[in-house]
Amino acid sequence: MVDQSYAVTYEVVQRPDGRFSVLPVGQFAIANDTEAYDTREEAEEALFSLTETLDERASDLPIIKPGGGQSVS
């Protein structure tokens, strides 16, 4: 069993230049090296990918992804 002693929640925020970034909830400043996305949809896709990666790391079981090499006989 995986010990989850802390959890981080992320959100999509709009930057002053109109682009979007994924930041931990409550973070006040956007660092200069933070990834910027042109649309909210791109940022939400990045957030989904980040969340999926963190969930996979926190679990002892692999996440089965559609089209990930499994086949139906």
N, C-alpha and C. Protein backbone atom coordinates (compact mmCIF):
# COMPACT_ATOMS: atom_id res chain seq x y z
N MET A 1 0.85 -1.18 0.00
CA MET A 1 0.00 0.00 0.00
C MET A 1 0.89 1.24 0.00
N VAL A 2 0.48 2.23 -0.73
CA VAL A 2 1.24 3.46 -0.84
C VAL A 2 0.82 4.43 0.26
N ASP A 3 1.80 5.01 0.95
CA ASP A 3 1.52 5.99 1.98
C ASP A 3 1.41 7.37 1.34
N GLN A 4 0.23 7.94 1.39
CA GLN A 4 0.04 9.29 0.85
C GLN A 4 -0.05 10.27 2.01
N SER A 5 1.10 10.81 2.39
CA SER A 5 1.14 11.71 3.53
C SER A 5 0.78 13.14 3.15
N TYR A 6 0.72 13.42 1.85
CA TYR A 6 0.32 14.75 1.42
C TYR A 6 -0.32 14.65 0.04
N ALA A 7 -1.08 15.64 -0.31
CA ALA A 7 -1.71 15.69 -1.63
C ALA A 7 -1.58 17.11 -2.17
N VAL A 8 -1.36 17.21 -3.45
CA VAL A 8 -1.27 18.51 -4.11
C VAL A 8 -2.37 18.57 -5.15
N THR A 9 -3.07 19.67 -5.19
CA THR A 9 -4.12 19.88 -6.18
C THR A 9 -3.65 20.96 -7.13
N TYR A 10 -3.92 20.76 -8.41
CA TYR A 10 -3.49 21.71 -9.44
C TYR A 10 -4.70 22.37 -10.08
N GLU A 11 -4.46 23.54 -10.67
CA GLU A 11 -5.51 24.25 -11.39
C GLU A 11 -4.92 24.93 -12.62
N VAL A 12 -5.78 25.20 -13.59
CA VAL A 12 -5.38 25.96 -14.77
C VAL A 12 -5.65 27.43 -14.47
N VAL A 13 -4.62 28.27 -14.66
CA VAL A 13 -4.77 29.71 -14.41
C VAL A 13 -4.37 30.48 -15.66
N GLN A 14 -5.02 31.63 -15.85
CA GLN A 14 -4.68 32.48 -16.99
C GLN A 14 -3.57 33.44 -16.59
N ARG A 15 -2.57 33.53 -17.43
CA ARG A 15 -1.43 34.42 -17.20
C ARG A 15 -1.80 35.84 -17.64
N PRO A 16 -1.07 36.84 -17.17
CA PRO A 16 -1.35 38.22 -17.58
C PRO A 16 -1.27 38.44 -19.10
N ASP A 17 -0.46 37.60 -19.79
CA ASP A 17 -0.33 37.76 -21.24
C ASP A 17 -1.43 37.03 -22.02
N GLY A 18 -2.41 36.44 -21.31
CA GLY A 18 -3.53 35.76 -21.96
C GLY A 18 -3.32 34.28 -22.17
N ARG A 19 -2.11 33.78 -21.96
CA ARG A 19 -1.85 32.34 -22.07
C ARG A 19 -2.24 31.67 -20.77
N PHE A 20 -2.07 30.34 -20.68
CA PHE A 20 -2.50 29.59 -19.51
C PHE A 20 -1.37 28.74 -18.96
N SER A 21 -1.42 28.46 -17.66
CA SER A 21 -0.44 27.60 -17.00
C SER A 21 -1.15 26.69 -16.01
N VAL A 22 -0.47 25.60 -15.65
CA VAL A 22 -0.96 24.68 -14.63
C VAL A 22 -0.13 24.92 -13.38
N LEU A 23 -0.80 25.29 -12.27
CA LEU A 23 -0.10 25.61 -11.03
C LEU A 23 -0.75 24.88 -9.86
N PRO A 24 0.02 24.63 -8.80
CA PRO A 24 -0.60 24.12 -7.58
C PRO A 24 -1.61 25.13 -7.05
N VAL A 25 -2.72 24.65 -6.53
CA VAL A 25 -3.76 25.54 -5.99
C VAL A 25 -3.15 26.39 -4.88
N GLY A 26 -3.42 27.68 -4.92
CA GLY A 26 -2.95 28.59 -3.90
C GLY A 26 -1.61 29.23 -4.21
N GLN A 27 -0.94 28.80 -5.28
CA GLN A 27 0.33 29.43 -5.63
C GLN A 27 0.03 30.82 -6.16
N PHE A 28 0.71 31.82 -5.62
CA PHE A 28 0.39 33.20 -5.94
C PHE A 28 1.16 33.73 -7.15
N ALA A 29 2.39 33.32 -7.31
CA ALA A 29 3.22 33.86 -8.39
C ALA A 29 3.49 32.78 -9.44
N ILE A 30 3.53 33.19 -10.69
CA ILE A 30 3.86 32.28 -11.78
C ILE A 30 5.35 32.44 -12.07
N ALA A 31 6.10 31.38 -11.87
CA ALA A 31 7.55 31.43 -12.09
C ALA A 31 7.83 31.63 -13.57
N ASN A 32 8.95 32.26 -13.87
CA ASN A 32 9.33 32.53 -15.26
C ASN A 32 9.49 31.26 -16.08
N ASP A 33 9.88 30.15 -15.44
CA ASP A 33 10.10 28.91 -16.18
C ASP A 33 8.87 28.00 -16.22
N THR A 34 7.73 28.49 -15.74
CA THR A 34 6.50 27.71 -15.78
C THR A 34 6.01 27.58 -17.22
N GLU A 35 5.65 26.37 -17.61
CA GLU A 35 5.15 26.11 -18.96
C GLU A 35 3.91 26.95 -19.25
N ALA A 36 3.85 27.54 -20.43
CA ALA A 36 2.70 28.35 -20.84
C ALA A 36 2.04 27.69 -22.05
N TYR A 37 0.72 27.69 -22.07
CA TYR A 37 -0.06 27.09 -23.15
C TYR A 37 -0.90 28.18 -23.80
N ASP A 38 -1.11 28.05 -25.10
CA ASP A 38 -1.84 29.07 -25.85
C ASP A 38 -3.33 29.07 -25.54
N THR A 39 -3.90 27.90 -25.24
CA THR A 39 -5.34 27.82 -24.97
C THR A 39 -5.60 27.12 -23.65
N ARG A 40 -6.76 27.37 -23.10
CA ARG A 40 -7.17 26.69 -21.87
C ARG A 40 -7.23 25.17 -22.10
N GLU A 41 -7.68 24.75 -23.29
CA GLU A 41 -7.80 23.32 -23.60
C GLU A 41 -6.44 22.63 -23.54
N GLU A 42 -5.40 23.29 -24.08
CA GLU A 42 -4.06 22.72 -24.01
C GLU A 42 -3.59 22.59 -22.57
N ALA A 43 -3.87 23.59 -21.76
CA ALA A 43 -3.48 23.55 -20.35
C ALA A 43 -4.24 22.47 -19.61
N GLU A 44 -5.53 22.29 -19.93
CA GLU A 44 -6.31 21.24 -19.27
C GLU A 44 -5.82 19.85 -19.67
N GLU A 45 -5.39 19.68 -20.92
CA GLU A 45 -4.82 18.41 -21.34
C GLU A 45 -3.52 18.13 -20.59
N ALA A 46 -2.70 19.16 -20.40
CA ALA A 46 -1.46 19.01 -19.64
C ALA A 46 -1.76 18.68 -18.18
N LEU A 47 -2.79 19.30 -17.62
CA LEU A 47 -3.21 19.02 -16.26
C LEU A 47 -3.67 17.57 -16.13
N PHE A 48 -4.46 17.10 -17.09
CA PHE A 48 -4.93 15.70 -17.07
C PHE A 48 -3.74 14.75 -17.13
N SER A 49 -2.77 15.03 -18.00
CA SER A 49 -1.59 14.19 -18.12
C SER A 49 -0.78 14.17 -16.83
N LEU A 50 -0.62 15.35 -16.21
CA LEU A 50 0.09 15.44 -14.93
C LEU A 50 -0.62 14.65 -13.85
N THR A 51 -1.93 14.80 -13.77
CA THR A 51 -2.73 14.09 -12.77
C THR A 51 -2.62 12.58 -12.97
N GLU A 52 -2.69 12.15 -14.22
CA GLU A 52 -2.58 10.72 -14.53
C GLU A 52 -1.22 10.19 -14.11
N THR A 53 -0.16 10.93 -14.37
CA THR A 53 1.19 10.52 -14.00
C THR A 53 1.33 10.43 -12.49
N LEU A 54 0.81 11.42 -11.77
CA LEU A 54 0.90 11.39 -10.30
C LEU A 54 0.09 10.26 -9.71
N ASP A 55 -1.10 9.98 -10.28
CA ASP A 55 -1.92 8.86 -9.82
C ASP A 55 -1.20 7.54 -10.03
N GLU A 56 -0.53 7.41 -11.18
CA GLU A 56 0.19 6.18 -11.48
C GLU A 56 1.35 5.98 -10.51
N ARG A 57 2.04 7.05 -10.17
CA ARG A 57 3.15 6.96 -9.21
C ARG A 57 2.67 6.62 -7.81
N ALA A 58 1.47 7.05 -7.46
CA ALA A 58 0.94 6.85 -6.11
C ALA A 58 0.30 5.48 -5.94
N SER A 59 0.16 4.72 -7.01
CA SER A 59 -0.53 3.44 -6.94
C SER A 59 0.45 2.30 -7.14
N ASP A 60 0.15 1.19 -6.49
CA ASP A 60 0.94 -0.02 -6.69
C ASP A 60 0.51 -0.74 -7.95
N LEU A 61 -0.63 -0.39 -8.51
CA LEU A 61 -1.15 -1.04 -9.71
C LEU A 61 -0.96 -0.14 -10.93
N PRO A 62 -0.64 -0.72 -12.08
CA PRO A 62 -0.50 0.10 -13.28
C PRO A 62 -1.86 0.59 -13.77
N ILE A 63 -1.86 1.76 -14.39
CA ILE A 63 -3.08 2.29 -14.98
C ILE A 63 -3.17 1.75 -16.40
N ILE A 64 -4.29 1.12 -16.73
CA ILE A 64 -4.49 0.59 -18.08
C ILE A 64 -5.08 1.68 -18.94
N LYS A 65 -4.39 2.01 -20.01
CA LYS A 65 -4.82 3.07 -20.91
C LYS A 65 -5.38 2.46 -22.18
N PRO A 66 -6.46 3.00 -22.72
CA PRO A 66 -7.00 2.49 -23.98
C PRO A 66 -5.95 2.55 -25.08
N GLY A 67 -5.82 1.46 -25.81
CA GLY A 67 -4.83 1.41 -26.88
C GLY A 67 -3.40 1.28 -26.39
N GLY A 68 -3.24 0.93 -25.14
CA GLY A 68 -1.91 0.85 -24.55
C GLY A 68 -1.26 -0.50 -24.73
N GLY A 69 -1.59 -1.21 -25.79
CA GLY A 69 -0.94 -2.49 -26.06
C GLY A 69 -1.80 -3.69 -25.69
N GLN A 70 -2.93 -3.49 -25.06
CA GLN A 70 -3.82 -4.60 -24.75
C GLN A 70 -4.61 -4.94 -26.00
N SER A 71 -4.92 -6.20 -26.15
CA SER A 71 -5.73 -6.61 -27.28
C SER A 71 -6.87 -7.50 -26.81
N VAL A 72 -7.92 -7.51 -27.57
CA VAL A 72 -9.09 -8.34 -27.27
C VAL A 72 -9.04 -9.54 -28.16
N SER A 73 -9.12 -10.73 -27.58
CA SER A 73 -9.05 -11.96 -28.38
C SER A 73 -10.42 -12.46 -28.72
